[in-house]
């Protein structure tokens, strides 16, 4: 008789629950996050276990990898898509673990994608670069505000990021305290710039030979960093059966509930990948400035809606759809199929 296992994972411990195909409870245990202990508990049932569900928490990597390496079929539960039975009076971690196992046994478990272990670290390396960029931006804004507040001068961000010449020190030399504060900011900015370039080159070195990466570079508004982000965050494009599902995963479709042509509410706008949402938003902004066809499309949407965010999101949605076909067909960008009627023919 097949068995189904649910694991409710926390930072230091986990709750393990096991049921059979008739949803009879076979086992429940609270375990420390000890790999050997978890494998020891599961070992007597391994030949009968049809699947193990792990909820997609911040620390799922090690547990999923451990179970897969030892031959278990692992499913990653998508917590944003799961609904609990609201009639329950009492719910705790043990109930959550059994609920995961029951959803799997019934074949209605909302699953997340288990990103391939081989390239997961590379993807996270690019995410680390983005984190450093955000930190550098906060320091740049702080330094710009300092100079403007004390001297009424607005320094361009490019001047503050320059590592070959210190263009900030001349403005602060007249005040020892300002010079010390500004020098600390500039030192951190330069250090972050160095690390950002280092991480970017490391990722690019491993991706530049892959055809999808080169094809993404032909998409308007997409440069090296955005191409790497789109490719690594998307993963295998085959997991998206339709272009609309990919656009939804990129958070580039509206989330709205309607009935009788009236809006009744909104869904979870944050469902999907925030890194892809950022990438296509950045690409739309660059494309609007540098690509003629993209700018014309943006202007048409702006005239109709009278709202810049609506026009921006429409262009980002177009770029996400184009990226889907580029990745799926391994072809370069074709302007006529993105903005003309040919796109409808291709997507059908």
Protein backbone atom coordinates (compact mmCIF):
# COMPACT_ATOMS: atom_id res chain seq x y z
CA UNK A 1 0.00 0.00 0.00
CA UNK A 2 1.51 3.39 -1.00
CA UNK A 3 2.36 5.86 1.73
CA UNK A 4 2.41 9.65 1.56
CA UNK A 5 4.57 11.90 3.71
CA UNK A 6 4.18 15.58 4.57
CA UNK A 7 6.95 17.57 6.25
CA UNK A 8 6.24 20.94 7.86
CA UNK A 9 9.71 22.48 7.94
CA UNK A 10 10.96 25.14 10.38
CA UNK A 11 14.36 26.67 11.10
CA UNK A 12 15.46 24.16 13.76
CA UNK A 13 12.92 21.35 13.58
CA UNK A 14 10.28 19.75 11.39
CA UNK A 15 7.01 17.88 11.82
CA UNK A 16 6.80 14.67 9.80
CA UNK A 17 3.44 13.03 9.06
CA UNK A 18 2.69 9.84 7.13
CA UNK A 19 -0.62 8.47 5.83
CA UNK A 20 -1.69 5.60 3.59
CA UNK A 21 -3.88 5.78 0.46
CA UNK A 22 -7.01 5.62 2.65
CA UNK A 23 -5.65 8.64 4.56
CA UNK A 24 -5.15 6.63 7.73
CA UNK A 25 -2.44 8.16 9.91
CA UNK A 26 0.58 5.89 10.09
CA UNK A 27 3.24 8.05 11.70
CA UNK A 28 3.77 11.49 13.23
CA UNK A 29 6.98 12.82 14.69
CA UNK A 30 8.65 16.07 15.58
CA UNK A 31 12.28 15.86 14.53
CA UNK A 32 15.33 18.03 14.76
CA UNK A 33 16.69 19.20 11.40
CA UNK A 34 19.25 16.41 11.45
CA UNK A 35 19.75 14.67 8.07
CA UNK A 36 20.72 11.32 9.58
CA UNK A 37 17.75 11.33 11.96
CA UNK A 38 15.25 12.13 9.20
CA UNK A 39 16.62 9.39 6.94
CA UNK A 40 16.56 6.92 9.83
CA UNK A 41 12.87 7.57 10.50
CA UNK A 42 11.93 7.23 6.82
CA UNK A 43 14.15 4.25 6.02
CA UNK A 44 11.78 1.43 7.17
CA UNK A 45 9.05 2.78 4.86
CA UNK A 46 11.15 3.80 1.84
CA UNK A 47 9.93 1.07 -0.51
CA UNK A 48 6.29 2.05 0.17
CA UNK A 49 6.61 5.84 0.09
CA UNK A 50 5.00 7.17 -3.10
CA UNK A 51 5.96 10.78 -2.44
CA UNK A 52 7.14 13.28 0.14
CA UNK A 53 5.85 16.85 0.31
CA UNK A 54 8.02 19.68 1.63
CA UNK A 55 6.52 23.14 1.92
CA UNK A 56 8.39 25.86 0.04
CA UNK A 57 9.91 27.71 2.99
CA UNK A 58 13.06 29.82 2.96
CA UNK A 59 15.26 26.84 3.94
CA UNK A 60 13.94 23.97 1.80
CA UNK A 61 17.09 23.43 -0.29
CA UNK A 62 18.96 21.11 2.05
CA UNK A 63 15.97 18.87 2.86
CA UNK A 64 14.78 18.45 -0.74
CA UNK A 65 18.34 17.72 -1.91
CA UNK A 66 18.82 15.21 0.90
CA UNK A 67 15.65 13.29 0.09
CA UNK A 68 16.21 13.32 -3.68
CA UNK A 69 19.80 12.13 -3.27
CA UNK A 70 18.48 9.10 -1.34
CA UNK A 71 15.92 8.13 -3.97
CA UNK A 72 12.72 9.65 -2.62
CA UNK A 73 10.21 11.32 -4.93
CA UNK A 74 9.90 14.85 -3.55
CA UNK A 75 7.20 17.45 -4.20
CA UNK A 76 7.57 21.12 -3.31
CA UNK A 77 4.27 22.59 -2.08
CA UNK A 78 3.32 26.09 -3.14
CA UNK A 79 2.01 27.73 0.08
CA UNK A 80 0.45 30.68 -1.78
CA UNK A 81 -1.90 28.34 -3.66
CA UNK A 82 -2.92 26.09 -0.78
CA UNK A 83 -6.16 26.51 1.13
CA UNK A 84 -6.76 25.15 4.62
CA UNK A 85 -10.10 23.75 5.70
CA UNK A 86 -11.62 26.72 7.54
CA UNK A 87 -13.97 24.56 9.60
CA UNK A 88 -11.16 23.22 11.78
CA UNK A 89 -11.16 24.43 15.37
CA UNK A 90 -7.54 23.62 16.04
CA UNK A 91 -4.59 23.74 13.67
CA UNK A 92 -0.93 23.23 14.51
CA UNK A 93 2.25 22.08 12.79
CA UNK A 94 1.25 18.41 12.98
CA UNK A 95 -2.07 19.15 11.28
CA UNK A 96 -0.21 21.13 8.60
CA UNK A 97 2.08 18.17 7.91
CA UNK A 98 -0.86 15.76 7.58
CA UNK A 99 -2.67 18.28 5.36
CA UNK A 100 0.30 18.30 2.97
CA UNK A 101 0.29 14.51 2.84
CA UNK A 102 -3.48 14.41 2.22
CA UNK A 103 -3.27 16.90 -0.65
CA UNK A 104 -0.61 14.72 -2.27
CA UNK A 105 -2.62 11.53 -1.81
CA UNK A 106 -5.66 13.17 -3.42
CA UNK A 107 -3.62 14.45 -6.35
CA UNK A 108 -4.55 18.10 -5.74
CA UNK A 109 -1.30 19.41 -4.28
CA UNK A 110 -0.36 22.84 -5.71
CA UNK A 111 3.29 22.32 -6.56
CA UNK A 112 6.21 24.67 -6.92
CA UNK A 113 9.17 24.13 -9.19
CA UNK A 114 12.21 22.39 -7.72
CA UNK A 115 14.99 24.33 -9.40
CA UNK A 116 17.82 22.05 -10.61
CA UNK A 117 20.48 21.70 -7.97
CA UNK A 118 23.25 22.04 -10.57
CA UNK A 119 22.42 25.67 -11.45
CA UNK A 120 20.65 26.82 -8.30
CA UNK A 121 23.80 28.25 -6.76
CA UNK A 122 24.51 30.20 -9.95
CA UNK A 123 21.03 31.70 -9.87
CA UNK A 124 21.46 32.66 -6.22
CA UNK A 125 24.82 34.23 -7.07
CA UNK A 126 23.05 36.58 -9.47
CA UNK A 127 20.47 37.33 -6.77
CA UNK A 128 23.33 38.24 -4.46
CA UNK A 129 24.54 40.71 -7.10
CA UNK A 130 21.12 42.35 -7.13
CA UNK A 131 21.19 42.64 -3.34
CA UNK A 132 24.56 44.40 -3.51
CA UNK A 133 23.26 46.75 -6.22
CA UNK A 134 20.35 47.77 -3.97
CA UNK A 135 22.73 48.36 -1.08
CA UNK A 136 25.03 50.45 -3.29
CA UNK A 137 22.08 52.50 -4.52
CA UNK A 138 21.07 53.34 -0.94
CA UNK A 139 24.62 54.55 -0.22
CA UNK A 140 24.72 56.61 -3.42
CA UNK A 141 21.43 58.30 -2.54
CA UNK A 142 22.70 59.02 0.97
CA UNK A 143 25.88 60.61 -0.39
CA UNK A 144 23.99 62.61 -2.99
CA UNK A 145 21.68 63.95 -0.28
CA UNK A 146 24.65 64.90 1.89
CA UNK A 147 26.27 66.95 -0.87
CA UNK A 148 22.97 68.58 -1.91
CA UNK A 149 22.00 69.37 1.67
CA UNK A 150 25.31 71.06 2.50
CA UNK A 151 26.38 72.59 -0.81
CA UNK A 152 23.28 72.79 -3.00
CA UNK A 153 24.93 70.66 -5.69
CA UNK A 154 23.44 67.58 -7.31
CA UNK A 155 26.11 65.03 -8.18
CA UNK A 156 25.27 62.44 -10.88
CA UNK A 157 25.29 58.83 -9.74
CA UNK A 158 27.94 58.08 -12.38
CA UNK A 159 30.34 60.46 -10.62
CA UNK A 160 29.79 58.72 -7.30
CA UNK A 161 30.35 55.26 -8.82
CA UNK A 162 33.61 56.23 -10.52
CA UNK A 163 36.47 54.17 -9.10
CA UNK A 164 39.26 55.75 -11.15
CA UNK A 165 38.75 59.24 -9.71
CA UNK A 166 37.30 60.46 -6.41
CA UNK A 167 34.91 63.20 -7.54
CA UNK A 168 33.32 63.64 -4.12
CA UNK A 169 36.31 64.55 -1.94
CA UNK A 170 36.86 68.03 -3.47
CA UNK A 171 33.39 69.12 -2.31
CA UNK A 172 33.86 67.91 1.28
CA UNK A 173 37.43 68.98 2.05
CA UNK A 174 36.35 72.15 3.82
CA UNK A 175 34.66 70.23 6.65
CA UNK A 176 36.43 67.43 8.50
CA UNK A 177 33.23 65.73 9.70
CA UNK A 178 31.58 65.78 6.29
CA UNK A 179 34.77 64.52 4.69
CA UNK A 180 34.92 61.57 7.10
CA UNK A 181 31.26 60.65 6.50
CA UNK A 182 31.54 61.09 2.74
CA UNK A 183 34.77 59.10 2.55
CA UNK A 184 33.14 56.22 4.45
CA UNK A 185 30.24 56.21 1.98
CA UNK A 186 32.57 56.42 -1.03
CA UNK A 187 34.74 53.56 0.26
CA UNK A 188 31.69 51.31 0.66
CA UNK A 189 30.37 52.27 -2.78
CA UNK A 190 33.70 51.45 -4.42
CA UNK A 191 33.94 48.14 -2.55
CA UNK A 192 30.42 47.16 -3.60
CA UNK A 193 31.13 48.14 -7.20
CA UNK A 194 34.13 45.84 -7.20
CA UNK A 195 32.14 42.91 -5.81
CA UNK A 196 29.22 43.54 -8.19
CA UNK A 197 31.54 43.37 -11.20
CA UNK A 198 33.19 40.26 -9.80
CA UNK A 199 29.89 38.40 -9.38
CA UNK A 200 28.59 39.56 -12.75
CA UNK A 201 31.67 38.30 -14.59
CA UNK A 202 31.55 34.96 -12.77
CA UNK A 203 27.93 34.36 -13.82
CA UNK A 204 28.46 35.56 -17.36
CA UNK A 205 31.46 33.28 -17.83
CA UNK A 206 29.30 30.22 -17.19
CA UNK A 207 26.32 31.35 -19.25
CA UNK A 208 27.74 33.05 -22.33
CA UNK A 209 28.11 29.82 -24.32
CA UNK A 210 24.46 28.82 -23.95
CA UNK A 211 22.30 29.66 -27.01
CA UNK A 212 19.25 30.98 -25.06
CA UNK A 213 21.43 33.62 -23.41
CA UNK A 214 22.68 34.92 -26.76
CA UNK A 215 19.15 34.98 -28.16
CA UNK A 216 17.82 36.96 -25.20
CA UNK A 217 20.37 39.67 -25.91
CA UNK A 218 18.42 40.49 -29.08
CA UNK A 219 15.32 41.45 -27.08
CA UNK A 220 14.82 45.25 -26.83
CA UNK A 221 15.95 46.68 -23.51
CA UNK A 222 17.75 43.51 -22.46
CA UNK A 223 21.47 43.60 -21.77
CA UNK A 224 23.85 41.13 -20.18
CA UNK A 225 22.54 41.31 -16.62
CA UNK A 226 18.86 41.17 -17.58
CA UNK A 227 19.48 38.30 -20.02
CA UNK A 228 21.23 36.31 -17.30
CA UNK A 229 18.45 37.08 -14.82
CA UNK A 230 15.67 36.04 -17.22
CA UNK A 231 17.43 32.83 -18.18
CA UNK A 232 18.35 31.73 -14.65
CA UNK A 233 15.07 32.73 -13.00
CA UNK A 234 12.98 31.09 -15.72
CA UNK A 235 14.74 27.73 -15.58
CA UNK A 236 13.46 25.11 -18.02
CA UNK A 237 10.96 26.91 -20.26
CA UNK A 238 9.20 23.59 -20.87
CA UNK A 239 7.55 23.86 -17.45
CA UNK A 240 5.30 26.59 -18.86
CA UNK A 241 2.79 25.02 -21.25
CA UNK A 242 1.42 28.37 -22.44
CA UNK A 243 2.84 31.83 -22.94
CA UNK A 244 0.13 33.28 -20.67
CA UNK A 245 1.29 31.14 -17.76
CA UNK A 246 4.81 32.41 -18.19
CA UNK A 247 3.61 36.02 -18.29
CA UNK A 248 1.62 35.35 -15.11
CA UNK A 249 4.70 33.84 -13.44
CA UNK A 250 6.53 37.06 -14.32
CA UNK A 251 3.75 39.04 -12.56
CA UNK A 252 2.87 40.78 -15.82
CA UNK A 253 -0.86 40.00 -15.95
CA UNK A 254 -3.64 41.64 -13.97
CA UNK A 255 -5.03 39.91 -10.89
CA UNK A 256 -8.75 40.58 -10.78
CA UNK A 257 -11.92 38.71 -9.85
CA UNK A 258 -15.05 39.63 -11.84
CA UNK A 259 -18.69 38.58 -11.85
CA UNK A 260 -21.45 39.95 -14.07
CA UNK A 261 -18.85 42.28 -15.60
CA UNK A 262 -18.16 43.83 -12.19
CA UNK A 263 -14.90 43.69 -10.26
CA UNK A 264 -15.44 41.71 -7.06
CA UNK A 265 -11.89 41.74 -5.76
CA UNK A 266 -8.28 41.05 -6.52
CA UNK A 267 -6.09 38.00 -6.16
CA UNK A 268 -2.54 37.72 -4.90
CA UNK A 269 -0.59 40.15 -7.07
CA UNK A 270 2.68 38.82 -5.67
CA UNK A 271 2.18 35.30 -7.00
CA UNK A 272 5.09 34.56 -9.28
CA UNK A 273 8.76 35.44 -9.47
CA UNK A 274 9.73 38.90 -8.22
CA UNK A 275 13.11 38.76 -9.92
CA UNK A 276 11.51 38.22 -13.33
CA UNK A 277 9.01 40.97 -12.56
CA UNK A 278 11.94 43.30 -11.88
CA UNK A 279 13.84 42.16 -14.99
CA UNK A 280 10.98 42.80 -17.43
CA UNK A 281 10.12 46.10 -15.75
CA UNK A 282 13.73 47.23 -16.23
CA UNK A 283 13.72 45.94 -19.80
CA UNK A 284 10.53 47.89 -20.57
CA UNK A 285 12.08 51.11 -19.31
CA UNK A 286 15.26 50.62 -21.37
CA UNK A 287 13.28 49.55 -24.46
CA UNK A 288 11.05 52.62 -24.22
CA UNK A 289 14.11 54.84 -24.35
CA UNK A 290 16.22 53.04 -26.94
CA UNK A 291 13.93 51.07 -29.27
CA UNK A 292 11.66 52.87 -31.76
CA UNK A 293 8.96 50.19 -32.02
CA UNK A 294 8.80 49.78 -28.24
CA UNK A 295 8.53 53.53 -27.75
CA UNK A 296 5.69 53.78 -30.29
CA UNK A 297 3.83 50.93 -28.57
CA UNK A 298 4.30 52.64 -25.21
CA UNK A 299 3.01 55.95 -26.56
CA UNK A 300 -0.10 54.28 -28.04
CA UNK A 301 -0.93 52.69 -24.70
CA UNK A 302 -0.25 55.96 -22.90
CA UNK A 303 -2.64 57.89 -25.16
CA UNK A 304 -5.40 55.35 -24.55
CA UNK A 305 -5.01 54.90 -20.80
CA UNK A 306 -3.63 58.33 -19.84
CA UNK A 307 -1.59 56.46 -17.21
CA UNK A 308 2.17 55.89 -17.50
CA UNK A 309 2.21 52.77 -15.23
CA UNK A 310 -0.42 51.10 -17.43
CA UNK A 311 1.61 51.75 -20.57
CA UNK A 312 4.80 50.60 -18.86
CA UNK A 313 3.23 47.34 -17.67
CA UNK A 314 1.76 46.70 -21.13
CA UNK A 315 5.22 46.96 -22.68
CA UNK A 316 6.74 44.76 -19.95
CA UNK A 317 4.01 42.18 -20.64
CA UNK A 318 4.87 42.22 -24.34
CA UNK A 319 8.55 41.67 -23.59
CA UNK A 320 7.76 38.77 -21.26
CA UNK A 321 5.71 37.08 -23.98
CA UNK A 322 8.48 37.64 -26.52
CA UNK A 323 11.04 36.16 -24.12
CA UNK A 324 8.91 33.04 -23.78
CA UNK A 325 9.01 32.36 -27.52
CA UNK A 326 12.71 33.20 -27.73
CA UNK A 327 13.50 30.68 -25.01
CA UNK A 328 11.09 28.02 -26.26
CA UNK A 329 12.02 28.19 -29.94
CA UNK A 330 15.65 29.29 -29.46
CA UNK A 331 15.25 32.08 -32.02
CA UNK A 332 16.28 35.75 -32.02
CA UNK A 333 13.81 38.55 -31.39
CA UNK A 334 11.49 39.39 -34.28
CA UNK A 335 9.87 42.79 -34.06
CA UNK A 336 6.97 41.96 -36.40
CA UNK A 337 5.87 39.06 -34.22
CA UNK A 338 5.95 41.14 -31.05
CA UNK A 339 4.04 44.20 -32.21
CA UNK A 340 2.23 42.94 -35.31
CA UNK A 341 -0.52 40.43 -36.04
CA UNK A 342 2.05 37.70 -36.60
CA UNK A 343 2.38 37.30 -32.83
CA UNK A 344 -1.20 36.07 -32.59
CA UNK A 345 -0.53 33.52 -35.32
CA UNK A 346 2.61 32.27 -33.60
CA UNK A 347 1.04 31.97 -30.16
CA UNK A 348 -1.99 30.11 -31.49
